[in-house]
Every structure is written in structure tokens, then in C-alpha cells.
Amino acid sequence: MPVWKQEHPGVEAMNVAVMGCIVN
């Protein structure tokens, strides 16, 4: 984030999902 904050404005609003099975 310290680097991305300078080079990629708006990235702090990104959501990443890491899910463990097929149900959800």
C-alpha cells in the first residue's frame, strides 16, 4: 500500500475474495 498509494490512486477501495469451497 505505501507504494500503491502513490502510484495507483483508488486501489485502497479494492476488494479481494479468497473462498474455501464451492458453496459460497
PDB file of all heavy atoms in Angstrom:
ATOM      1  N   MET A   1       0.781  -1.236   0.000  1.00  0.00           N
ATOM      2  CA  MET A   1       0.000   0.000   0.000  1.00  0.00           C
ATOM      3  C   MET A   1       0.819   1.295   0.000  1.00  0.00           C
ATOM      4  O   MET A   1       0.457   2.243  -0.706  1.00  0.00           O
ATOM      5  CB  MET A   1      -0.994   0.008   1.161  1.00  0.00           C
ATOM      6  CG  MET A   1      -2.349  -0.555   0.798  1.00  0.00           C
ATOM      7  SD  MET A   1      -3.046   0.129  -0.719  1.00  0.00           S
ATOM      8  CE  MET A   1      -3.322   1.836  -0.250  1.00  0.00           C
ATOM      9  N   PRO A   2       1.920   1.413   0.755  1.00  0.00           N
ATOM     10  CA  PRO A   2       2.670   2.679   0.692  1.00  0.00           C
ATOM     11  C   PRO A   2       3.112   3.031  -0.722  1.00  0.00           C
ATOM     12  O   PRO A   2       3.120   4.209  -1.104  1.00  0.00           O
ATOM     13  CB  PRO A   2       3.873   2.407   1.618  1.00  0.00           C
ATOM     14  CG  PRO A   2       3.373   1.408   2.599  1.00  0.00           C
ATOM     15  CD  PRO A   2       2.470   0.508   1.792  1.00  0.00           C
ATOM     16  N   VAL A   3       3.477   2.019  -1.524  1.00  0.00           N
ATOM     17  CA  VAL A   3       3.881   2.265  -2.913  1.00  0.00           C
ATOM     18  C   VAL A   3       2.647   2.471  -3.784  1.00  0.00           C
ATOM     19  O   VAL A   3       2.569   3.417  -4.581  1.00  0.00           O
ATOM     20  CB  VAL A   3       4.722   1.083  -3.444  1.00  0.00           C
ATOM     21  CG1 VAL A   3       5.046   1.283  -4.924  1.00  0.00           C
ATOM     22  CG2 VAL A   3       5.999   0.944  -2.627  1.00  0.00           C
ATOM     23  N   TRP A   4       1.670   1.580  -3.649  1.00  0.00           N
ATOM     24  CA  TRP A   4       0.464   1.682  -4.469  1.00  0.00           C
ATOM     25  C   TRP A   4      -0.274   2.994  -4.247  1.00  0.00           C
ATOM     26  O   TRP A   4      -0.870   3.538  -5.174  1.00  0.00           O
ATOM     27  CB  TRP A   4      -0.466   0.515  -4.156  1.00  0.00           C
ATOM     28  CG  TRP A   4      -0.061  -0.780  -4.795  1.00  0.00           C
ATOM     29  CD1 TRP A   4       0.962  -0.970  -5.687  1.00  0.00           C
ATOM     30  CD2 TRP A   4      -0.673  -2.065  -4.604  1.00  0.00           C
ATOM     31  NE1 TRP A   4       1.033  -2.294  -6.061  1.00  0.00           N
ATOM     32  CE2 TRP A   4       0.032  -2.989  -5.417  1.00  0.00           C
ATOM     33  CE3 TRP A   4      -1.731  -2.514  -3.839  1.00  0.00           C
ATOM     34  CZ2 TRP A   4      -0.308  -4.339  -5.464  1.00  0.00           C
ATOM     35  CZ3 TRP A   4      -2.068  -3.854  -3.889  1.00  0.00           C
ATOM     36  CH2 TRP A   4      -1.358  -4.757  -4.697  1.00  0.00           C
ATOM     37  N   LYS A   5      -0.237   3.485  -3.003  1.00  0.00           N
ATOM     38  CA  LYS A   5      -0.943   4.736  -2.688  1.00  0.00           C
ATOM     39  C   LYS A   5      -0.445   5.879  -3.563  1.00  0.00           C
ATOM     40  O   LYS A   5      -1.208   6.760  -3.958  1.00  0.00           O
ATOM     41  CB  LYS A   5      -0.743   5.071  -1.207  1.00  0.00           C
ATOM     42  CG  LYS A   5      -1.680   6.129  -0.674  1.00  0.00           C
ATOM     43  CD  LYS A   5      -1.516   6.257   0.829  1.00  0.00           C
ATOM     44  CE  LYS A   5      -2.472   7.288   1.395  1.00  0.00           C
ATOM     45  NZ  LYS A   5      -2.331   7.419   2.862  1.00  0.00           N
ATOM     46  N   GLN A   6       0.856   5.864  -3.860  1.00  0.00           N
ATOM     47  CA  GLN A   6       1.450   6.912  -4.686  1.00  0.00           C
ATOM     48  C   GLN A   6       1.227   6.653  -6.177  1.00  0.00           C
ATOM     49  O   GLN A   6       0.974   7.578  -6.945  1.00  0.00           O
ATOM     50  CB  GLN A   6       2.959   7.005  -4.409  1.00  0.00           C
ATOM     51  CG  GLN A   6       3.312   7.275  -2.950  1.00  0.00           C
ATOM     52  CD  GLN A   6       2.747   8.584  -2.439  1.00  0.00           C
ATOM     53  OE1 GLN A   6       2.728   9.581  -3.158  1.00  0.00           O
ATOM     54  NE2 GLN A   6       2.273   8.584  -1.196  1.00  0.00           N
ATOM     55  N   GLU A   7       1.315   5.390  -6.571  1.00  0.00           N
ATOM     56  CA  GLU A   7       1.302   5.052  -8.000  1.00  0.00           C
ATOM     57  C   GLU A   7      -0.063   4.639  -8.529  1.00  0.00           C
ATOM     58  O   GLU A   7      -0.314   4.716  -9.735  1.00  0.00           O
ATOM     59  CB  GLU A   7       2.311   3.926  -8.266  1.00  0.00           C
ATOM     60  CG  GLU A   7       3.753   4.304  -7.919  1.00  0.00           C
ATOM     61  CD  GLU A   7       4.723   3.163  -8.155  1.00  0.00           C
ATOM     62  OE1 GLU A   7       4.257   2.062  -8.551  1.00  0.00           O
ATOM     63  OE2 GLU A   7       5.934   3.366  -7.947  1.00  0.00           O
ATOM     64  N   HIS A   8      -0.947   4.183  -7.639  1.00  0.00           N
ATOM     65  CA  HIS A   8      -2.245   3.654  -8.090  1.00  0.00           C
ATOM     66  C   HIS A   8      -3.371   4.204  -7.218  1.00  0.00           C
ATOM     67  O   HIS A   8      -3.948   3.471  -6.391  1.00  0.00           O
ATOM     68  CB  HIS A   8      -2.231   2.124  -8.060  1.00  0.00           C
ATOM     69  CG  HIS A   8      -1.139   1.499  -8.876  1.00  0.00           C
ATOM     70  ND1 HIS A   8      -1.148   1.498 -10.251  1.00  0.00           N
ATOM     71  CD2 HIS A   8       0.021   0.893  -8.493  1.00  0.00           C
ATOM     72  CE1 HIS A   8      -0.058   0.890 -10.697  1.00  0.00           C
ATOM     73  NE2 HIS A   8       0.670   0.521  -9.653  1.00  0.00           N
ATOM     74  N   PRO A   9      -3.706   5.472  -7.367  1.00  0.00           N
ATOM     75  CA  PRO A   9      -4.755   6.073  -6.535  1.00  0.00           C
ATOM     76  C   PRO A   9      -6.090   5.345  -6.700  1.00  0.00           C
ATOM     77  O   PRO A   9      -6.477   4.978  -7.813  1.00  0.00           O
ATOM     78  CB  PRO A   9      -4.832   7.513  -7.050  1.00  0.00           C
ATOM     79  CG  PRO A   9      -4.182   7.494  -8.397  1.00  0.00           C
ATOM     80  CD  PRO A   9      -3.154   6.430  -8.349  1.00  0.00           C
ATOM     81  N   GLY A  10      -6.768   5.154  -5.572  1.00  0.00           N
ATOM     82  CA  GLY A  10      -8.059   4.473  -5.577  1.00  0.00           C
ATOM     83  C   GLY A  10      -7.975   2.996  -5.270  1.00  0.00           C
ATOM     84  O   GLY A  10      -9.004   2.353  -5.013  1.00  0.00           O
ATOM     85  N   VAL A  11      -6.754   2.425  -5.264  1.00  0.00           N
ATOM     86  CA  VAL A  11      -6.607   0.986  -5.047  1.00  0.00           C
ATOM     87  C   VAL A  11      -7.066   0.577  -3.650  1.00  0.00           C
ATOM     88  O   VAL A  11      -7.451  -0.577  -3.424  1.00  0.00           O
ATOM     89  CB  VAL A  11      -5.142   0.554  -5.284  1.00  0.00           C
ATOM     90  CG1 VAL A  11      -4.229   1.105  -4.199  1.00  0.00           C
ATOM     91  CG2 VAL A  11      -5.035  -0.970  -5.361  1.00  0.00           C
ATOM     92  N   GLU A  12      -7.075   1.538  -2.705  1.00  0.00           N
ATOM     93  CA  GLU A  12      -7.476   1.195  -1.341  1.00  0.00           C
ATOM     94  C   GLU A  12      -8.931   0.738  -1.249  1.00  0.00           C
ATOM     95  O   GLU A  12      -9.329   0.124  -0.268  1.00  0.00           O
ATOM     96  CB  GLU A  12      -7.249   2.388  -0.400  1.00  0.00           C
ATOM     97  CG  GLU A  12      -8.028   3.629  -0.740  1.00  0.00           C
ATOM     98  CD  GLU A  12      -7.332   4.531  -1.746  1.00  0.00           C
ATOM     99  OE1 GLU A  12      -6.310   4.110  -2.321  1.00  0.00           O
ATOM    100  OE2 GLU A  12      -7.830   5.651  -1.959  1.00  0.00           O
ATOM    101  N   ALA A  13      -9.736   1.011  -2.282  1.00  0.00           N
ATOM    102  CA  ALA A  13     -11.145   0.598  -2.270  1.00  0.00           C
ATOM    103  C   ALA A  13     -11.359  -0.783  -2.876  1.00  0.00           C
ATOM    104  O   ALA A  13     -12.480  -1.289  -2.894  1.00  0.00           O
ATOM    105  CB  ALA A  13     -11.988   1.624  -3.028  1.00  0.00           C
ATOM    106  N   MET A  14     -10.286  -1.414  -3.338  1.00  0.00           N
ATOM    107  CA  MET A  14     -10.404  -2.724  -3.985  1.00  0.00           C
ATOM    108  C   MET A  14     -10.762  -3.806  -2.968  1.00  0.00           C
ATOM    109  O   MET A  14     -10.281  -3.800  -1.840  1.00  0.00           O
ATOM    110  CB  MET A  14      -9.080  -3.073  -4.668  1.00  0.00           C
ATOM    111  CG  MET A  14      -9.078  -4.398  -5.421  1.00  0.00           C
ATOM    112  SD  MET A  14      -7.537  -4.674  -6.333  1.00  0.00           S
ATOM    113  CE  MET A  14      -6.396  -5.003  -4.973  1.00  0.00           C
ATOM    114  N   ASN A  15     -11.599  -4.761  -3.379  1.00  0.00           N
ATOM    115  CA  ASN A  15     -11.951  -5.916  -2.555  1.00  0.00           C
ATOM    116  C   ASN A  15     -11.451  -7.189  -3.213  1.00  0.00           C
ATOM    117  O   ASN A  15     -11.604  -7.376  -4.428  1.00  0.00           O
ATOM    118  CB  ASN A  15     -13.473  -6.021  -2.373  1.00  0.00           C
ATOM    119  CG  ASN A  15     -13.996  -4.982  -1.404  1.00  0.00           C
ATOM    120  OD1 ASN A  15     -13.318  -4.612  -0.457  1.00  0.00           O
ATOM    121  ND2 ASN A  15     -15.210  -4.509  -1.636  1.00  0.00           N
ATOM    122  N   VAL A  16     -10.860  -8.055  -2.415  1.00  0.00           N
ATOM    123  CA  VAL A  16     -10.352  -9.340  -2.898  1.00  0.00           C
ATOM    124  C   VAL A  16     -11.003 -10.449  -2.075  1.00  0.00           C
ATOM    125  O   VAL A  16     -10.991 -10.393  -0.839  1.00  0.00           O
ATOM    126  CB  VAL A  16      -8.814  -9.419  -2.767  1.00  0.00           C
ATOM    127  CG1 VAL A  16      -8.305 -10.770  -3.253  1.00  0.00           C
ATOM    128  CG2 VAL A  16      -8.146  -8.292  -3.546  1.00  0.00           C
ATOM    129  N   ALA A  17     -11.568 -11.444  -2.747  1.00  0.00           N
ATOM    130  CA  ALA A  17     -12.216 -12.560  -2.052  1.00  0.00           C
ATOM    131  C   ALA A  17     -11.380 -13.821  -2.194  1.00  0.00           C
ATOM    132  O   ALA A  17     -10.959 -14.174  -3.298  1.00  0.00           O
ATOM    133  CB  ALA A  17     -13.622 -12.789  -2.617  1.00  0.00           C
ATOM    134  N   VAL A  18     -11.120 -14.479  -1.074  1.00  0.00           N
ATOM    135  CA  VAL A  18     -10.428 -15.770  -1.069  1.00  0.00           C
ATOM    136  C   VAL A  18     -11.338 -16.748  -0.341  1.00  0.00           C
ATOM    137  O   VAL A  18     -11.459 -16.710   0.884  1.00  0.00           O
ATOM    138  CB  VAL A  18      -9.052 -15.682  -0.375  1.00  0.00           C
ATOM    139  CG1 VAL A  18      -8.374 -17.044  -0.390  1.00  0.00           C
ATOM    140  CG2 VAL A  18      -8.166 -14.646  -1.059  1.00  0.00           C
ATOM    141  N   MET A  19     -11.988 -17.618  -1.104  1.00  0.00           N
ATOM    142  CA  MET A  19     -13.004 -18.509  -0.545  1.00  0.00           C
ATOM    143  C   MET A  19     -12.520 -19.956  -0.573  1.00  0.00           C
ATOM    144  O   MET A  19     -11.696 -20.335  -1.399  1.00  0.00           O
ATOM    145  CB  MET A  19     -14.311 -18.353  -1.321  1.00  0.00           C
ATOM    146  CG  MET A  19     -14.820 -16.916  -1.401  1.00  0.00           C
ATOM    147  SD  MET A  19     -15.070 -16.151   0.220  1.00  0.00           S
ATOM    148  CE  MET A  19     -16.456 -17.115   0.814  1.00  0.00           C
ATOM    149  N   GLY A  20     -13.100 -20.771   0.355  1.00  0.00           N
ATOM    150  CA  GLY A  20     -12.545 -22.097   0.578  1.00  0.00           C
ATOM    151  C   GLY A  20     -13.255 -23.265  -0.064  1.00  0.00           C
ATOM    152  O   GLY A  20     -12.738 -24.373  -0.033  1.00  0.00           O
ATOM    153  N   CYS A  21     -14.450 -23.059  -0.647  1.00  0.00           N
ATOM    154  CA  CYS A  21     -15.123 -24.196  -1.288  1.00  0.00           C
ATOM    155  C   CYS A  21     -16.198 -23.682  -2.237  1.00  0.00           C
ATOM    156  O   CYS A  21     -16.410 -22.479  -2.379  1.00  0.00           O
ATOM    157  CB  CYS A  21     -15.717 -25.150  -0.248  1.00  0.00           C
ATOM    158  SG  CYS A  21     -17.252 -24.560   0.505  1.00  0.00           S
ATOM    159  N   ILE A  22     -16.925 -24.615  -2.836  1.00  0.00           N
ATOM    160  CA  ILE A  22     -17.867 -24.278  -3.895  1.00  0.00           C
ATOM    161  C   ILE A  22     -19.182 -23.698  -3.378  1.00  0.00           C
ATOM    162  O   ILE A  22     -19.951 -23.103  -4.142  1.00  0.00           O
ATOM    163  CB  ILE A  22     -18.144 -25.544  -4.753  1.00  0.00           C
ATOM    164  CG1 ILE A  22     -18.730 -25.150  -6.114  1.00  0.00           C
ATOM    165  CG2 ILE A  22     -19.060 -26.520  -3.994  1.00  0.00           C
ATOM    166  CD1 ILE A  22     -18.807 -26.310  -7.085  1.00  0.00           C
ATOM    167  N   VAL A  23     -19.488 -23.836  -2.070  1.00  0.00           N
ATOM    168  CA  VAL A  23     -20.796 -23.426  -1.549  1.00  0.00           C
ATOM    169  C   VAL A  23     -21.031 -21.928  -1.762  1.00  0.00           C
ATOM    170  O   VAL A  23     -21.992 -21.512  -2.411  1.00  0.00           O
ATOM    171  CB  VAL A  23     -20.933 -23.791  -0.053  1.00  0.00           C
ATOM    172  CG1 VAL A  23     -22.241 -23.235   0.505  1.00  0.00           C
ATOM    173  CG2 VAL A  23     -20.903 -25.304   0.122  1.00  0.00           C
ATOM    174  N   ASN A  24     -20.178 -21.094  -1.186  1.00  0.00           N
ATOM    175  CA  ASN A  24     -20.305 -19.642  -1.353  1.00  0.00           C
ATOM    176  C   ASN A  24     -19.183 -19.034  -2.191  1.00  0.00           C
ATOM    177  O   ASN A  24     -19.218 -17.847  -2.500  1.00  0.00           O
ATOM    178  CB  ASN A  24     -20.310 -18.941   0.014  1.00  0.00           C
ATOM    179  CG  ASN A  24     -21.583 -19.192   0.784  1.00  0.00           C
ATOM    180  OD1 ASN A  24     -22.667 -19.214   0.218  1.00  0.00           O
ATOM    181  ND2 ASN A  24     -21.455 -19.409   2.091  1.00  0.00           N
TER     182      ASN A  24
END
